[in-house]
N, C-alpha and C. Protein backbone atom coordinates (compact mmCIF):
# COMPACT_ATOMS: atom_id res chain seq x y z
N UNK A 1 14.10 148.83 54.13
CA UNK A 1 14.85 148.29 55.24
C UNK A 1 13.87 147.84 56.32
N UNK A 2 14.07 146.66 56.82
CA UNK A 2 13.30 146.13 57.93
C UNK A 2 14.01 146.50 59.22
N UNK A 3 13.29 147.09 60.16
CA UNK A 3 13.87 147.47 61.45
C UNK A 3 13.16 146.66 62.54
N UNK A 4 13.94 145.94 63.33
CA UNK A 4 13.41 145.10 64.40
C UNK A 4 14.01 145.49 65.73
N UNK A 5 13.26 145.28 66.78
CA UNK A 5 13.79 145.45 68.14
C UNK A 5 14.06 144.06 68.70
N UNK A 6 15.22 143.88 69.31
CA UNK A 6 15.60 142.61 69.92
C UNK A 6 16.23 142.90 71.26
N UNK A 7 16.05 141.99 72.19
CA UNK A 7 16.70 142.08 73.50
C UNK A 7 17.92 141.17 73.48
N UNK A 8 18.74 141.29 74.51
CA UNK A 8 19.93 140.46 74.62
C UNK A 8 19.57 138.99 74.51
N UNK A 9 20.34 138.24 73.75
CA UNK A 9 20.20 136.81 73.50
C UNK A 9 18.98 136.45 72.64
N UNK A 10 18.35 137.42 72.00
CA UNK A 10 17.30 137.14 71.03
C UNK A 10 17.90 137.16 69.64
N UNK A 11 17.30 136.42 68.72
CA UNK A 11 17.87 136.24 67.38
C UNK A 11 16.90 136.62 66.29
N UNK A 12 17.47 136.76 65.10
CA UNK A 12 16.73 136.94 63.86
C UNK A 12 17.31 135.93 62.89
N UNK A 13 16.46 135.22 62.15
CA UNK A 13 16.93 134.26 61.17
C UNK A 13 16.65 134.80 59.77
N UNK A 14 17.67 134.70 58.91
CA UNK A 14 17.55 135.14 57.52
C UNK A 14 17.65 133.90 56.65
N UNK A 15 16.63 133.65 55.87
CA UNK A 15 16.62 132.42 55.08
C UNK A 15 16.57 131.23 56.03
N UNK A 16 17.18 130.13 55.60
CA UNK A 16 17.15 128.94 56.45
C UNK A 16 18.48 128.69 57.14
N UNK A 17 19.51 129.51 56.82
CA UNK A 17 20.83 129.16 57.34
C UNK A 17 21.65 130.33 57.88
N UNK A 18 21.04 131.49 58.09
CA UNK A 18 21.77 132.62 58.67
C UNK A 18 21.01 133.10 59.90
N UNK A 19 21.71 133.15 61.03
CA UNK A 19 21.10 133.60 62.28
C UNK A 19 21.94 134.72 62.87
N UNK A 20 21.29 135.81 63.26
CA UNK A 20 21.94 136.95 63.90
C UNK A 20 21.39 137.05 65.31
N UNK A 21 22.29 137.02 66.29
CA UNK A 21 21.89 137.04 67.70
C UNK A 21 22.48 138.27 68.39
N UNK A 22 21.66 138.98 69.14
CA UNK A 22 22.15 140.08 69.97
C UNK A 22 22.82 139.43 71.18
N UNK A 23 24.12 139.62 71.31
CA UNK A 23 24.88 139.01 72.40
C UNK A 23 24.86 139.87 73.66
N UNK A 24 25.11 141.16 73.47
CA UNK A 24 25.20 142.04 74.64
C UNK A 24 24.89 143.48 74.24
N UNK A 25 24.25 144.20 75.11
CA UNK A 25 23.97 145.62 74.94
C UNK A 25 24.74 146.38 76.01
N UNK A 26 25.57 147.33 75.59
CA UNK A 26 26.35 148.14 76.54
C UNK A 26 26.28 149.59 76.11
N UNK A 27 25.54 150.39 76.82
CA UNK A 27 25.43 151.80 76.46
C UNK A 27 24.90 151.94 75.04
N UNK A 28 25.71 152.58 74.17
CA UNK A 28 25.29 152.76 72.79
C UNK A 28 25.94 151.74 71.85
N UNK A 29 26.44 150.64 72.39
CA UNK A 29 27.04 149.58 71.58
C UNK A 29 26.23 148.30 71.68
N UNK A 30 26.21 147.58 70.56
CA UNK A 30 25.54 146.29 70.50
C UNK A 30 26.54 145.28 69.99
N UNK A 31 26.69 144.16 70.67
CA UNK A 31 27.54 143.06 70.19
C UNK A 31 26.61 142.01 69.59
N UNK A 32 26.90 141.63 68.36
CA UNK A 32 26.06 140.64 67.69
C UNK A 32 26.91 139.43 67.31
N UNK A 33 26.26 138.30 67.23
CA UNK A 33 26.88 137.08 66.74
C UNK A 33 26.17 136.69 65.45
N UNK A 34 26.93 136.22 64.48
CA UNK A 34 26.37 135.83 63.19
C UNK A 34 26.75 134.40 62.90
N UNK A 35 25.76 133.56 62.70
CA UNK A 35 25.98 132.17 62.30
C UNK A 35 25.55 132.06 60.84
N UNK A 36 26.50 131.65 59.99
CA UNK A 36 26.22 131.54 58.56
C UNK A 36 27.14 130.48 57.96
N UNK A 37 26.78 129.94 56.81
CA UNK A 37 27.67 129.00 56.14
C UNK A 37 29.02 129.66 55.82
N UNK A 38 30.07 128.87 55.75
CA UNK A 38 31.41 129.41 55.51
C UNK A 38 31.53 130.13 54.18
N UNK A 39 30.70 129.80 53.21
CA UNK A 39 30.81 130.43 51.90
C UNK A 39 30.09 131.78 51.82
N UNK A 40 29.45 132.22 52.90
CA UNK A 40 28.77 133.52 52.93
C UNK A 40 29.74 134.56 53.46
N UNK A 41 29.98 135.60 52.66
CA UNK A 41 30.88 136.68 53.09
C UNK A 41 30.15 137.59 54.07
N UNK A 42 30.78 137.90 55.18
CA UNK A 42 30.22 138.80 56.18
C UNK A 42 31.28 139.87 56.44
N UNK A 43 30.99 141.09 56.04
CA UNK A 43 31.94 142.18 56.21
C UNK A 43 31.24 143.40 56.80
N UNK A 44 31.96 144.10 57.68
CA UNK A 44 31.48 145.41 58.12
C UNK A 44 31.57 146.35 56.92
N UNK A 45 30.72 147.37 56.88
CA UNK A 45 30.70 148.27 55.73
C UNK A 45 32.06 148.88 55.44
N UNK A 46 32.79 149.30 56.48
CA UNK A 46 34.08 149.94 56.23
C UNK A 46 35.08 148.97 55.62
N UNK A 47 34.96 147.68 55.92
CA UNK A 47 35.84 146.69 55.31
C UNK A 47 35.37 146.32 53.90
N UNK A 48 34.07 146.33 53.68
CA UNK A 48 33.53 146.02 52.36
C UNK A 48 33.98 147.06 51.35
N UNK A 49 34.04 148.33 51.76
CA UNK A 49 34.51 149.39 50.86
C UNK A 49 35.96 149.15 50.49
N UNK A 50 36.79 148.76 51.45
CA UNK A 50 38.20 148.47 51.17
C UNK A 50 38.34 147.24 50.31
N UNK A 51 37.46 146.27 50.49
CA UNK A 51 37.50 145.03 49.70
C UNK A 51 37.22 145.33 48.24
N UNK A 52 36.27 146.21 47.96
CA UNK A 52 35.94 146.56 46.58
C UNK A 52 37.13 147.15 45.86
N UNK A 53 37.99 147.85 46.60
CA UNK A 53 39.18 148.46 45.99
C UNK A 53 40.25 147.42 45.68
N UNK A 54 40.24 146.28 46.40
CA UNK A 54 41.24 145.23 46.20
C UNK A 54 40.55 143.87 46.09
N UNK A 55 39.95 143.58 44.94
CA UNK A 55 39.16 142.35 44.81
C UNK A 55 39.97 141.06 44.76
N UNK A 56 41.28 141.14 44.84
CA UNK A 56 42.09 139.92 44.73
C UNK A 56 42.24 139.19 46.07
N UNK A 57 41.66 139.70 47.14
CA UNK A 57 41.77 139.02 48.44
C UNK A 57 41.04 137.69 48.40
N UNK A 58 41.56 136.72 49.12
CA UNK A 58 40.94 135.40 49.17
C UNK A 58 39.79 135.40 50.16
N UNK A 59 38.93 134.39 50.08
CA UNK A 59 37.81 134.27 51.01
C UNK A 59 38.31 134.11 52.44
N UNK A 60 39.45 133.43 52.63
CA UNK A 60 39.99 133.27 53.98
C UNK A 60 40.38 134.62 54.57
N UNK A 61 40.94 135.51 53.76
CA UNK A 61 41.31 136.83 54.24
C UNK A 61 40.07 137.61 54.65
N UNK A 62 38.97 137.44 53.91
CA UNK A 62 37.74 138.15 54.25
C UNK A 62 37.23 137.72 55.60
N UNK A 63 37.29 136.45 55.90
CA UNK A 63 36.83 135.96 57.20
C UNK A 63 37.70 136.55 58.29
N UNK A 64 39.01 136.62 58.08
CA UNK A 64 39.91 137.20 59.07
C UNK A 64 39.60 138.66 59.28
N UNK A 65 39.35 139.41 58.19
CA UNK A 65 39.03 140.83 58.31
C UNK A 65 37.72 141.02 59.04
N UNK A 66 36.73 140.21 58.71
CA UNK A 66 35.41 140.37 59.32
C UNK A 66 35.45 140.09 60.81
N UNK A 67 36.29 139.17 61.25
CA UNK A 67 36.33 138.84 62.67
C UNK A 67 37.36 139.66 63.44
N UNK A 68 38.13 140.48 62.77
CA UNK A 68 39.20 141.24 63.42
C UNK A 68 38.65 142.24 64.44
N UNK A 69 37.47 142.78 64.20
CA UNK A 69 36.92 143.78 65.12
C UNK A 69 36.09 143.21 66.23
N UNK A 70 35.93 141.91 66.27
CA UNK A 70 35.06 141.29 67.28
C UNK A 70 35.70 141.24 68.64
C-alpha cells in the first residue's frame, strides 16, 4: 500500500485518467473528490461488499450508490 500525505486541494493522479483530490479536512474526516471515466466503478468498501452479494445491479445503480454518501 502506498501512503501519501496531501493538504486540502492537493491531488493524486492514478494512471492517466483518474484523479483524487482532497477537498476538505474537518477534524477526523476527509472529503475527497474523484475524477474518473464513467466506465470505472468507484465504490466505498461497505457498498462493494453489498454489491458482491447482488451482482445483478446495473452500472448506473453503482454510480448512484457510490455518490449517495457524498
